[in-house]
Amino acid sequence: MNKKLSLLAAAALALSLAQPALAADKIALVVKSLGNGFFDAAHQGALEAAKELKDVEIIYTGPAKATAEGQIEIVNALIAQNVKAIVISANDPDALVPSLKKAMARGIKVISFDSGVKKEGRLMQLNPSNSALIGEKLVKMSEQVVGKTGEIAVLSATAQATNQNIWIAEMKKVLAQPAFAGLKLVNVVYGDDQTDKSYREAQGLFKSYPNLKAIVAPTTVGIAAAAKAVQDEKKVGQIFVTGLGLPSEMAGHVKSGAVKSFAIWNPIDLGYSSIMAASAFIKGTAKGVAGEKISLGRVGSTTLDKDLEGAMAEPFTYDAGNVDKFAKIF
C-alpha cells in the first residue's frame, strides 16, 4: 500500500512538473526617451515592483528622441504584442490619445505617470506629488534649517510660472498655520529660471534682509544658483538654501554646507508605484473611478480625483546621507 501511495505521489509530482508555468503579465513601461537617468531609475523601481508581485514581466521601452511620433510607434507595436498594461510618461498629452484608446479597446490597461495624457487616453494619471504636498514640504524643510522663528525668502522661476505660483500659494497657506507662526516670509523674487539672474536675485536678498536665514527655491535652476551665491558670499552656516533640486546638481552644495536638505520626486518610487497601480488594474482590484483609493505597495496609496489623477507622495528628501547615490542617477 505504501509503495502504491509513493508511486501515486511520484506520478503527481511528475505531472505538476510537466504543467507549464503561468505566464507573467507583461507590463510595458514606455518612457519619454531612452538613455535618461531619471527614467532608468524609474525602470529600477519597476523591476522592484515586478519582483515583489512575482507575476509581472516588465518591458522597458521608449524612443531614442523624446517625440510623440516615436511613442505612438511603440504603443502600436505593444498593442500587437498584446501586453496586459501600458504605463507611459507622455511626450504629448493629446497626440497619444488615439493609439492609447485603441489599446484600451483591446483590453490593455493604460495608465500615465509623471507626464500625463488626456483623461480619455488612460485609466489614471499618477503624479509624482501634488501642490499641497509640495507647499508643505517646502515649509517643513525651511523650518528644519531655520528653527521655529526666522526670516525666509522665496526665489522662484518666472512670475508667470503656473506651477511655481501654486506651490508658493500653498506655502503661504501652511505658513499661516499657528505651528509655523514664527517663520516670516519676507519676499518672493524671480530669477526667470536663468542661472545668472537667479544668482543676482539671491545676492539682492542678502543685502535687503540682513537677518535672512533661508532661501527657498522651488526651481532646480534657482536652488543651485542660490546655493552658489551663499558659498561665494561666505554665508555658509548663516543662510541656508532649500527647495526642489536635482541630486547631480546639488551634491556639491550639500557637501559645502550651503544646503542641508532639498527635495524632488524619487524616480525609483515613481516607477515602482506605477507598476503597482497597473497590476491592480490588471487584477481588477482597481477600476479607475473618482474617489477610488489605489494601493501603491510600500509607497502607500493614492486617491483618484475627479480627473482620475492621483499623487504618489510628498517630494523625497535628499541630504548628505543619500545625495551621492542619487547623483549618479539624475
Protein backbone atom coordinates (compact mmCIF):
# COMPACT_ATOMS: atom_id res chain seq x y z
CA MET A 1 0.00 0.00 0.00
CA ASN A 2 2.79 2.39 0.92
CA LYS A 3 4.58 1.53 -2.33
CA LYS A 4 1.38 2.29 -4.28
CA LEU A 5 0.98 5.61 -2.48
CA SER A 6 4.58 6.60 -3.18
CA LEU A 7 4.12 5.71 -6.85
CA LEU A 8 1.00 7.89 -6.97
CA ALA A 9 2.88 10.74 -5.28
CA ALA A 10 5.73 10.41 -7.76
CA ALA A 11 3.26 10.46 -10.64
CA ALA A 12 1.54 13.55 -9.24
CA LEU A 13 4.89 15.32 -8.87
CA ALA A 14 5.87 14.43 -12.44
CA LEU A 15 2.51 15.75 -13.68
CA SER A 16 2.91 19.03 -11.77
CA LEU A 17 6.40 19.49 -13.17
CA ALA A 18 5.07 18.90 -16.68
CA GLN A 19 2.44 21.65 -16.29
CA PRO A 20 3.50 24.91 -17.95
CA ALA A 21 4.13 27.79 -15.53
CA LEU A 22 1.52 30.52 -15.53
CA ALA A 23 2.57 33.27 -17.91
CA ALA A 24 3.55 36.53 -16.25
CA ASP A 25 1.55 39.67 -17.01
CA LYS A 26 3.56 41.80 -19.42
CA ILE A 27 3.55 45.47 -18.42
CA ALA A 28 5.26 47.93 -20.76
CA LEU A 29 6.97 50.94 -19.19
CA VAL A 30 7.10 53.50 -22.01
CA VAL A 31 9.32 56.47 -21.17
CA LYS A 32 9.88 59.79 -22.93
CA SER A 33 13.26 58.69 -24.27
CA LEU A 34 15.88 56.06 -23.59
CA GLY A 35 19.20 57.00 -22.01
CA ASN A 36 17.57 59.34 -19.49
CA GLY A 37 18.84 58.80 -15.92
CA PHE A 38 15.50 59.74 -14.36
CA PHE A 39 13.66 57.05 -16.35
CA ASP A 40 16.44 54.48 -15.88
CA ALA A 41 15.81 54.95 -12.15
CA ALA A 42 12.05 54.54 -12.74
CA HIS A 43 12.87 51.28 -14.55
CA GLN A 44 14.79 50.10 -11.47
CA GLY A 45 11.68 50.76 -9.36
CA ALA A 46 9.50 48.94 -11.89
CA LEU A 47 11.73 45.87 -11.63
CA GLU A 48 11.47 46.03 -7.82
CA ALA A 49 7.66 46.02 -8.12
CA ALA A 50 7.77 43.08 -10.54
CA LYS A 51 9.96 41.11 -8.16
CA GLU A 52 7.55 41.80 -5.32
CA LEU A 53 4.45 40.94 -7.36
CA LYS A 54 6.09 37.77 -8.80
CA ASP A 55 3.60 37.51 -11.71
CA VAL A 56 4.73 40.57 -13.71
CA GLU A 57 7.27 40.96 -16.51
CA ILE A 58 8.50 44.47 -17.36
CA ILE A 59 9.09 45.61 -20.93
CA TYR A 60 11.14 48.81 -20.71
CA THR A 61 10.99 50.88 -23.87
CA GLY A 62 10.91 54.37 -25.32
CA PRO A 63 12.02 56.28 -28.41
CA ALA A 64 15.62 57.39 -28.99
CA LYS A 65 14.39 61.01 -29.09
CA ALA A 66 11.57 62.42 -26.95
CA THR A 67 8.85 62.65 -29.61
CA ALA A 68 5.17 61.74 -29.61
CA GLU A 69 5.62 60.05 -33.00
CA GLY A 70 8.23 57.71 -31.56
CA GLN A 71 5.97 56.80 -28.65
CA ILE A 72 2.98 56.21 -30.94
CA GLU A 73 5.01 53.68 -32.98
CA ILE A 74 5.95 51.90 -29.76
CA VAL A 75 2.37 51.84 -28.46
CA ASN A 76 1.13 50.34 -31.75
CA ALA A 77 3.83 47.64 -31.53
CA LEU A 78 2.83 46.87 -27.93
CA ILE A 79 -0.82 46.51 -28.96
CA ALA A 80 0.29 43.89 -31.49
CA GLN A 81 2.21 42.09 -28.72
CA ASN A 82 -0.98 42.12 -26.61
CA VAL A 83 0.68 43.31 -23.43
CA LYS A 84 -1.55 43.45 -20.36
CA ALA A 85 -0.79 47.08 -19.48
CA ILE A 86 0.97 50.16 -20.80
CA VAL A 87 2.46 52.62 -18.31
CA ILE A 88 3.56 55.77 -20.14
CA SER A 89 5.18 59.15 -19.49
CA ALA A 90 3.85 61.09 -22.43
CA ASN A 91 5.75 63.40 -24.76
CA ASP A 92 2.41 64.92 -25.83
CA PRO A 93 -0.86 64.84 -23.83
CA ASP A 94 -3.06 64.89 -26.97
CA ALA A 95 -1.22 63.12 -29.78
CA LEU A 96 -1.02 59.79 -27.94
CA VAL A 97 -4.73 59.58 -27.14
CA PRO A 98 -5.92 57.78 -30.34
CA SER A 99 -3.35 54.97 -30.08
CA LEU A 100 -3.89 54.58 -26.33
CA LYS A 101 -7.67 54.47 -26.82
CA LYS A 102 -7.07 51.71 -29.37
CA ALA A 103 -5.01 49.84 -26.76
CA MET A 104 -7.77 50.14 -24.16
CA ALA A 105 -10.34 48.94 -26.70
CA ARG A 106 -8.23 45.75 -26.95
CA GLY A 107 -8.45 45.29 -23.19
CA ILE A 108 -4.99 46.69 -22.41
CA LYS A 109 -4.87 48.72 -19.18
CA VAL A 110 -3.33 52.15 -19.76
CA ILE A 111 -2.06 54.49 -17.07
CA SER A 112 0.14 57.54 -17.45
CA PHE A 113 2.72 58.67 -14.92
CA ASP A 114 5.00 61.67 -14.49
CA SER A 115 3.85 63.46 -17.68
CA GLY A 116 0.21 62.64 -18.30
CA VAL A 117 -2.09 62.16 -21.26
CA LYS A 118 -5.62 63.50 -21.56
CA LYS A 119 -8.23 61.74 -19.46
CA GLU A 120 -9.80 59.89 -22.41
CA GLY A 121 -6.47 58.22 -23.22
CA ARG A 122 -5.86 56.45 -19.90
CA LEU A 123 -7.48 54.93 -16.82
CA MET A 124 -5.50 57.07 -14.38
CA GLN A 125 -2.59 59.51 -14.15
CA LEU A 126 -0.06 59.09 -11.34
CA ASN A 127 1.57 62.41 -10.49
CA PRO A 128 4.84 62.33 -8.51
CA SER A 129 3.26 64.65 -5.93
CA ASN A 130 0.65 67.41 -5.70
CA SER A 131 0.69 71.13 -4.99
CA ALA A 132 -0.42 70.90 -1.35
CA LEU A 133 2.22 68.28 -0.52
CA ILE A 134 4.92 70.31 -2.28
CA GLY A 135 3.98 73.53 -0.45
CA GLU A 136 4.00 71.76 2.90
CA LYS A 137 7.34 70.08 2.17
CA LEU A 138 8.99 73.42 1.27
CA VAL A 139 7.88 74.95 4.58
CA LYS A 140 8.94 71.94 6.65
CA MET A 141 12.40 71.91 5.09
CA SER A 142 12.69 75.64 5.83
CA GLU A 143 11.79 75.03 9.47
CA GLN A 144 14.40 72.28 9.72
CA VAL A 145 17.21 74.75 8.95
CA VAL A 146 15.73 77.95 10.43
CA GLY A 147 14.07 76.62 13.55
CA LYS A 148 10.74 77.87 14.83
CA THR A 149 11.46 81.55 14.20
CA GLY A 150 13.26 83.44 11.47
CA GLU A 151 13.05 85.17 8.11
CA ILE A 152 12.79 83.21 4.88
CA ALA A 153 12.53 84.30 1.24
CA VAL A 154 11.43 82.53 -1.94
CA LEU A 155 13.48 82.54 -5.14
CA SER A 156 11.10 81.38 -7.87
CA ALA A 157 11.33 80.92 -11.65
CA THR A 158 9.22 83.40 -13.64
CA ALA A 159 6.38 85.46 -12.20
CA GLN A 160 4.07 83.71 -14.68
CA ALA A 161 5.11 80.12 -13.88
CA THR A 162 1.80 78.46 -13.03
CA ASN A 163 3.20 75.55 -11.03
CA GLN A 164 5.62 77.74 -9.08
CA ASN A 165 2.89 80.23 -8.18
CA ILE A 166 0.58 77.45 -7.00
CA TRP A 167 3.35 75.96 -4.82
CA ILE A 168 4.13 79.37 -3.31
CA ALA A 169 0.41 79.90 -2.60
CA GLU A 170 0.36 76.53 -0.85
CA MET A 171 3.46 77.53 1.14
CA LYS A 172 1.65 80.67 2.32
CA LYS A 173 -1.32 78.58 3.47
CA VAL A 174 1.00 76.42 5.57
CA LEU A 175 2.87 79.45 6.94
CA ALA A 176 -0.48 80.89 8.06
CA GLN A 177 -0.98 77.92 10.40
CA PRO A 178 -0.23 78.58 14.12
CA ALA A 179 2.51 75.92 14.14
CA PHE A 180 4.57 77.99 11.69
CA ALA A 181 3.72 81.46 13.01
CA GLY A 182 7.39 82.17 13.81
CA LEU A 183 8.52 81.83 10.21
CA LYS A 184 8.27 85.12 8.34
CA LEU A 185 8.20 85.17 4.52
CA VAL A 186 9.87 88.49 3.74
CA ASN A 187 9.83 88.43 -0.07
CA VAL A 188 9.29 86.42 -3.25
CA VAL A 189 11.77 87.19 -6.05
CA TYR A 190 12.05 85.81 -9.57
CA GLY A 191 15.16 84.54 -11.33
CA ASP A 192 13.28 83.58 -14.51
CA ASP A 193 14.96 80.15 -14.41
CA GLN A 194 18.19 81.80 -15.57
CA THR A 195 21.30 80.97 -13.56
CA ASP A 196 22.82 84.48 -13.69
CA LYS A 197 19.62 86.29 -12.80
CA SER A 198 18.79 83.81 -10.01
CA TYR A 199 22.30 84.31 -8.60
CA ARG A 200 21.88 88.11 -8.61
CA GLU A 201 18.42 87.86 -7.01
CA ALA A 202 19.91 85.76 -4.20
CA GLN A 203 22.62 88.38 -3.67
CA GLY A 204 19.91 91.05 -3.56
CA LEU A 205 18.13 89.14 -0.81
CA PHE A 206 21.33 89.03 1.28
CA LYS A 207 21.64 92.81 1.08
CA SER A 208 17.95 93.64 1.63
CA TYR A 209 17.42 91.25 4.55
CA PRO A 210 20.46 91.06 6.86
CA ASN A 211 18.57 88.72 9.22
CA LEU A 212 17.57 86.29 6.46
CA LYS A 213 18.01 82.66 7.50
CA ALA A 214 16.86 80.67 4.46
CA ILE A 215 16.16 80.94 0.73
CA VAL A 216 13.55 78.52 -0.57
CA ALA A 217 13.80 77.86 -4.32
CA PRO A 218 11.10 75.64 -5.82
CA THR A 219 13.08 75.51 -9.08
CA THR A 220 16.14 73.42 -9.96
CA VAL A 221 17.89 76.40 -11.55
CA GLY A 222 17.18 78.75 -8.65
CA ILE A 223 18.24 76.40 -5.87
CA ALA A 224 21.65 75.71 -7.43
CA ALA A 225 22.24 79.42 -8.17
CA ALA A 226 21.24 80.47 -4.63
CA ALA A 227 23.50 77.82 -3.08
CA LYS A 228 26.46 79.07 -5.15
CA ALA A 229 25.72 82.65 -4.07
CA VAL A 230 25.73 81.59 -0.41
CA GLN A 231 29.13 79.95 -0.89
CA ASP A 232 30.64 82.82 -2.86
CA GLU A 233 29.42 85.42 -0.35
CA LYS A 234 30.83 83.35 2.55
CA LYS A 235 27.42 82.95 4.16
CA VAL A 236 27.53 79.18 4.69
CA GLY A 237 26.08 78.46 8.13
CA GLN A 238 24.41 81.87 8.24
CA ILE A 239 21.92 81.45 5.38
CA PHE A 240 20.71 78.03 4.22
CA VAL A 241 19.21 77.15 0.86
CA THR A 242 16.49 74.55 0.31
CA GLY A 243 13.80 73.75 -2.25
CA LEU A 244 13.46 71.48 -5.28
CA GLY A 245 16.68 70.36 -6.95
CA LEU A 246 18.43 67.57 -8.83
CA PRO A 247 20.87 65.41 -6.84
CA SER A 248 23.51 65.57 -9.60
CA GLU A 249 23.48 69.39 -9.41
CA MET A 250 23.13 69.68 -5.63
CA ALA A 251 25.62 67.13 -4.24
CA GLY A 252 28.45 69.67 -4.13
CA HIS A 253 26.28 72.26 -2.41
CA VAL A 254 25.30 69.72 0.26
CA LYS A 255 29.00 68.98 0.84
CA SER A 256 29.76 72.71 1.12
CA GLY A 257 27.15 73.11 3.88
CA ALA A 258 25.12 75.70 1.96
CA VAL A 259 22.32 73.13 1.65
CA LYS A 260 21.34 70.71 4.41
CA SER A 261 18.50 69.08 2.52
CA PHE A 262 16.39 69.56 -0.59
CA ALA A 263 13.68 67.57 -2.31
CA ILE A 264 12.43 66.26 -5.63
CA TRP A 265 10.43 63.23 -6.69
CA ASN A 266 12.07 59.84 -6.18
CA PRO A 267 12.05 58.24 -9.67
CA ILE A 268 12.64 54.76 -8.24
CA ASP A 269 9.48 55.02 -6.12
CA LEU A 270 7.60 56.52 -9.08
CA GLY A 271 8.42 53.56 -11.34
CA TYR A 272 7.56 51.13 -8.54
CA SER A 273 4.24 52.83 -7.76
CA SER A 274 3.22 52.98 -11.42
CA ILE A 275 3.67 49.23 -11.87
CA MET A 276 1.79 48.53 -8.64
CA ALA A 277 -1.14 50.61 -9.92
CA ALA A 278 -1.06 48.92 -13.34
CA SER A 279 -1.08 45.49 -11.70
CA ALA A 280 -4.14 46.48 -9.66
CA PHE A 281 -5.99 47.35 -12.87
CA ILE A 282 -4.96 44.05 -14.49
CA LYS A 283 -6.22 42.11 -11.47
CA GLY A 284 -9.45 44.11 -11.37
CA THR A 285 -8.87 45.45 -7.86
CA ALA A 286 -8.68 48.96 -9.36
CA LYS A 287 -11.46 50.28 -11.59
CA GLY A 288 -10.47 53.89 -12.28
CA VAL A 289 -13.30 55.91 -10.69
CA ALA A 290 -13.22 59.23 -8.85
CA GLY A 291 -12.68 58.81 -5.12
CA GLU A 292 -11.14 55.36 -5.51
CA LYS A 293 -8.15 54.50 -3.31
CA ILE A 294 -5.44 52.52 -5.11
CA SER A 295 -2.61 50.70 -3.34
CA LEU A 296 0.94 51.63 -4.31
CA GLY A 297 2.61 48.88 -2.32
CA ARG A 298 5.40 50.01 0.00
CA VAL A 299 4.88 53.66 -1.02
CA GLY A 300 1.34 53.74 0.40
CA SER A 301 -1.79 54.55 -1.61
CA THR A 302 -3.31 57.26 -3.76
CA THR A 303 -6.88 58.51 -4.14
CA LEU A 304 -8.13 59.45 -7.60
CA ASP A 305 -9.67 62.90 -8.05
CA LYS A 306 -12.45 63.88 -10.49
CA ASP A 307 -9.93 63.86 -13.37
CA LEU A 308 -8.77 60.37 -12.34
CA GLU A 309 -5.41 61.71 -11.19
CA GLY A 310 -3.59 60.64 -8.06
CA ALA A 311 -0.46 61.83 -6.27
CA MET A 312 2.26 59.41 -5.18
CA ALA A 313 3.70 61.19 -2.13
CA GLU A 314 5.35 64.33 -0.84
CA PRO A 315 8.66 65.09 -2.56
CA PHE A 316 11.52 62.85 -1.45
CA THR A 317 14.23 64.37 0.78
CA TYR A 318 17.87 64.31 -0.27
CA ASP A 319 20.71 65.10 2.15
CA ALA A 320 24.29 64.14 2.97
CA GLY A 321 23.20 60.56 3.66
CA ASN A 322 21.83 59.77 0.21
CA VAL A 323 22.65 62.53 -2.28
CA ASP A 324 25.77 60.84 -3.74
CA LYS A 325 23.84 57.67 -4.51
CA PHE A 326 21.13 59.55 -6.40
CA ALA A 327 23.58 61.99 -8.04
CA LYS A 328 24.79 59.04 -10.13
CA ILE A 329 21.23 58.53 -11.40
CA PHE A 330 19.92 62.02 -12.23
